Structures are given as C-alpha cells and as structure tokens.
N, C-alpha and C. Protein backbone atom coordinates (compact mmCIF):
# COMPACT_ATOMS: atom_id res chain seq x y z
N MET A 1 -0.70 13.80 76.09
CA MET A 1 -0.52 12.80 74.75
C MET A 1 0.44 12.97 74.03
N ARG A 2 1.02 12.31 73.23
CA ARG A 2 1.77 12.34 72.01
C ARG A 2 1.15 12.90 71.00
N PRO A 3 1.95 13.97 70.15
CA PRO A 3 1.39 14.31 69.03
C PRO A 3 0.98 13.30 67.86
N LEU A 4 1.70 12.03 67.90
CA LEU A 4 1.33 11.08 66.93
C LEU A 4 -0.07 10.66 67.31
N LEU A 5 -0.32 10.25 68.59
CA LEU A 5 -1.62 9.84 68.96
C LEU A 5 -2.71 10.85 68.63
N TRP A 6 -2.59 12.08 68.78
CA TRP A 6 -3.60 13.24 68.52
C TRP A 6 -3.70 13.13 66.97
N GLY A 7 -2.68 13.01 66.18
CA GLY A 7 -2.62 13.03 64.77
C GLY A 7 -3.45 11.76 64.35
N THR A 8 -3.45 10.64 64.93
CA THR A 8 -4.38 9.48 64.49
C THR A 8 -5.67 9.82 64.73
N ILE A 9 -5.71 10.30 65.97
CA ILE A 9 -7.17 10.56 66.48
C ILE A 9 -7.89 11.80 65.36
N TRP A 10 -7.08 12.66 64.92
CA TRP A 10 -7.67 13.53 63.94
C TRP A 10 -7.84 12.94 62.63
N PHE A 11 -6.91 11.99 62.29
CA PHE A 11 -6.91 11.28 60.88
C PHE A 11 -8.33 10.59 61.13
N ILE A 12 -8.67 9.98 62.04
CA ILE A 12 -10.10 9.07 61.88
C ILE A 12 -11.21 10.04 61.91
N ILE A 13 -11.00 10.87 62.62
CA ILE A 13 -12.33 11.94 62.84
C ILE A 13 -12.36 12.58 61.11
N GLY A 14 -11.04 12.92 60.75
CA GLY A 14 -11.32 13.30 59.24
C GLY A 14 -11.99 12.40 58.24
N MET A 15 -11.54 11.15 58.47
CA MET A 15 -11.80 10.10 57.52
C MET A 15 -13.31 9.75 57.61
N VAL A 16 -13.83 9.72 58.77
CA VAL A 16 -15.30 9.46 59.06
C VAL A 16 -15.91 10.51 58.46
N GLY A 17 -15.72 11.95 58.93
CA GLY A 17 -16.46 12.95 58.34
C GLY A 17 -16.37 13.10 56.56
N TRP A 18 -15.07 12.91 56.35
CA TRP A 18 -14.97 13.01 54.81
C TRP A 18 -15.81 11.98 54.13
N VAL A 19 -15.82 10.89 54.58
CA VAL A 19 -16.95 9.59 53.97
C VAL A 19 -18.18 10.19 53.88
N ILE A 20 -18.59 10.41 55.38
CA ILE A 20 -19.89 10.76 55.54
C ILE A 20 -20.60 11.89 54.44
N PHE A 21 -19.85 13.03 54.49
CA PHE A 21 -20.17 14.13 53.77
C PHE A 21 -20.18 13.86 52.24
N SER A 22 -19.06 13.09 51.84
CA SER A 22 -19.03 12.71 50.40
C SER A 22 -20.23 11.97 49.97
N ILE A 23 -20.76 10.99 50.83
CA ILE A 23 -21.90 10.09 50.66
C ILE A 23 -23.11 11.28 50.46
N ILE A 24 -23.25 12.07 51.47
CA ILE A 24 -24.29 12.92 51.24
C ILE A 24 -24.11 13.86 50.09
N CYS A 25 -23.06 14.26 49.72
CA CYS A 25 -22.99 15.15 48.57
C CYS A 25 -23.40 14.35 47.23
N GLY A 26 -22.80 13.07 47.04
CA GLY A 26 -23.07 12.26 46.06
C GLY A 26 -24.64 11.91 46.15
N ILE A 27 -25.27 11.57 47.14
CA ILE A 27 -26.66 11.41 46.99
C ILE A 27 -27.33 12.72 46.64
N SER A 28 -26.99 13.82 47.21
CA SER A 28 -27.48 15.09 46.81
C SER A 28 -27.36 15.34 45.22
N LEU A 29 -26.27 15.15 44.62
CA LEU A 29 -25.94 15.32 43.25
C LEU A 29 -26.74 14.12 42.69
N GLY A 30 -27.13 12.94 42.84
CA GLY A 30 -27.78 11.91 42.19
C GLY A 30 -29.22 12.33 42.14
N VAL A 31 -29.68 12.94 43.21
CA VAL A 31 -31.10 13.36 43.30
C VAL A 31 -31.50 14.41 42.78
N SER A 32 -30.75 15.71 43.08
CA SER A 32 -31.21 16.99 42.56
C SER A 32 -30.30 17.59 41.46
N GLY A 33 -29.19 16.90 41.36
CA GLY A 33 -28.29 17.50 40.45
C GLY A 33 -27.01 18.59 40.89
N GLU A 34 -27.36 18.81 42.02
CA GLU A 34 -26.42 19.86 42.79
C GLU A 34 -26.15 19.43 44.21
N CYS A 35 -24.94 20.09 44.61
CA CYS A 35 -24.55 19.80 46.03
C CYS A 35 -24.51 20.99 46.93
N SER A 36 -25.08 21.10 48.12
CA SER A 36 -25.09 22.32 48.70
C SER A 36 -23.61 22.86 49.07
N GLY A 37 -23.57 24.05 49.13
CA GLY A 37 -22.11 24.72 49.43
C GLY A 37 -21.77 24.43 50.64
N ILE A 38 -22.55 24.37 51.73
CA ILE A 38 -21.96 24.13 53.25
C ILE A 38 -21.60 22.44 53.03
N VAL A 39 -22.50 21.53 52.55
CA VAL A 39 -21.75 20.07 52.45
C VAL A 39 -20.53 20.04 51.84
N LEU A 40 -20.31 20.74 50.70
CA LEU A 40 -19.09 20.58 49.94
C LEU A 40 -17.95 21.30 50.48
N ALA A 41 -18.46 22.23 51.42
CA ALA A 41 -16.99 22.86 52.44
C ALA A 41 -16.80 21.98 53.32
N LEU A 42 -17.67 21.26 53.86
CA LEU A 42 -17.59 20.25 54.97
C LEU A 42 -16.73 19.04 54.33
N VAL A 43 -17.09 18.51 53.15
CA VAL A 43 -16.26 17.54 52.35
C VAL A 43 -14.61 17.99 52.49
N TYR A 44 -14.52 19.29 51.84
CA TYR A 44 -12.97 19.87 51.79
C TYR A 44 -12.45 19.88 53.13
N PHE A 45 -13.08 20.46 54.27
CA PHE A 45 -12.59 20.54 55.46
C PHE A 45 -12.09 19.16 56.01
N PHE A 46 -13.08 18.06 56.19
CA PHE A 46 -12.60 16.98 56.71
C PHE A 46 -11.46 16.30 55.74
N GLY A 47 -11.54 16.45 54.40
CA GLY A 47 -10.55 15.82 53.57
C GLY A 47 -9.08 16.53 53.81
N LEU A 48 -9.07 17.90 54.20
CA LEU A 48 -7.78 18.46 54.69
C LEU A 48 -7.38 17.83 56.03
N ILE A 49 -8.46 17.78 56.94
CA ILE A 49 -8.04 17.06 58.02
C ILE A 49 -7.40 15.61 57.82
N PHE A 50 -8.05 14.98 56.99
CA PHE A 50 -7.95 13.62 56.82
C PHE A 50 -6.51 13.39 56.46
N PHE A 51 -6.05 14.39 55.30
CA PHE A 51 -4.77 14.19 54.61
C PHE A 51 -3.77 14.65 55.11
N PHE A 52 -3.69 15.78 55.92
CA PHE A 52 -2.71 16.32 56.73
C PHE A 52 -2.49 16.20 58.12
N SER A 53 -3.31 15.49 58.81
CA SER A 53 -3.17 15.44 60.11
C SER A 53 -2.00 14.43 60.47
N LEU A 54 -1.84 13.50 59.96
CA LEU A 54 -0.73 12.61 60.31
C LEU A 54 0.56 13.05 59.92
N PRO A 55 0.69 13.46 58.60
CA PRO A 55 1.91 14.23 58.42
C PRO A 55 2.52 15.34 59.25
N ILE A 56 1.58 16.21 59.65
CA ILE A 56 2.04 17.47 60.40
C ILE A 56 2.21 16.64 61.96
N SER A 57 1.60 15.86 62.39
CA SER A 57 2.02 15.13 63.67
C SER A 57 3.36 14.37 63.76
N ILE A 58 3.77 13.80 62.65
CA ILE A 58 4.93 13.21 62.43
C ILE A 58 6.06 14.30 62.37
N VAL A 59 6.04 15.23 61.79
CA VAL A 59 6.79 16.24 61.77
C VAL A 59 7.13 16.98 63.43
N ILE A 60 5.96 17.19 63.98
CA ILE A 60 6.03 17.64 65.24
C ILE A 60 6.74 16.67 66.21
N GLU A 61 6.40 15.43 65.97
CA GLU A 61 7.14 14.17 66.61
C GLU A 61 8.56 14.24 66.54
N VAL A 62 9.16 14.38 65.41
CA VAL A 62 10.38 14.32 65.10
C VAL A 62 11.22 15.62 65.65
N ILE A 63 10.45 16.87 65.44
CA ILE A 63 10.98 17.88 66.12
C ILE A 63 11.12 17.90 67.68
N LYS A 64 10.28 17.32 68.29
CA LYS A 64 10.23 16.87 69.70
C LYS A 64 11.43 15.91 70.17
N PHE A 65 11.67 15.03 69.27
CA PHE A 65 12.68 13.83 69.47
C PHE A 65 14.03 14.79 69.21
N VAL A 66 14.11 15.69 68.10
CA VAL A 66 15.48 16.06 68.11
C VAL A 66 15.89 16.91 69.10
N LYS A 67 14.86 17.78 69.88
CA LYS A 67 14.90 18.78 70.81
C LYS A 67 15.33 17.87 72.08
N ASN A 68 14.68 16.68 72.33
CA ASN A 68 15.10 16.13 73.44
C ASN A 68 16.30 15.36 73.37
N ARG A 69 16.64 14.91 72.31
CA ARG A 69 17.62 14.17 71.97
C ARG A 69 19.09 14.99 72.47
N GLY A 70 19.10 16.43 72.36
CA GLY A 70 20.14 17.08 72.66
C GLY A 70 20.18 17.42 74.22
N LYS A 71 19.41 17.24 74.79
CA LYS A 71 19.49 17.52 76.28
C LYS A 71 20.03 16.23 77.08
C-alpha cells in the first residue's frame, strides 16, 4: 500500500484515540481533580500520531516520487 494511505489510517487511529483519552482525562479531572499519568501519556501519544502521521507520509510519498521519476 502507498505511504499516503498508511498515513491516513494512522491519522484516523490517532484522532480517535486522542479524542477518547482526552474525554477520559477531562472526566477524570472534573470528578477527582487529577488525571492519571498513564491516561495523560496516552493522550500525548495519540496526539503525536494524530499530528505527525500525515506530514511524514507526505514526505515519504514525495521522496518515492522523486526516486521513481529519475528511472
């Protein structure tokens, strides 16, 4: 499969995970006043996947295009 398709798949996974764990952390902050470190780490992890998956896949796609264009 193409890198752009994989980037889109990871983008959607990151987006869904980021939203779910952000909601869990928000509810936890509202109820007890603190958020678990594991949940906060998952928010950051899925946020990084969400924000960086598409730009990285676009760069890989451009590199593959340039390499194949020379052949």
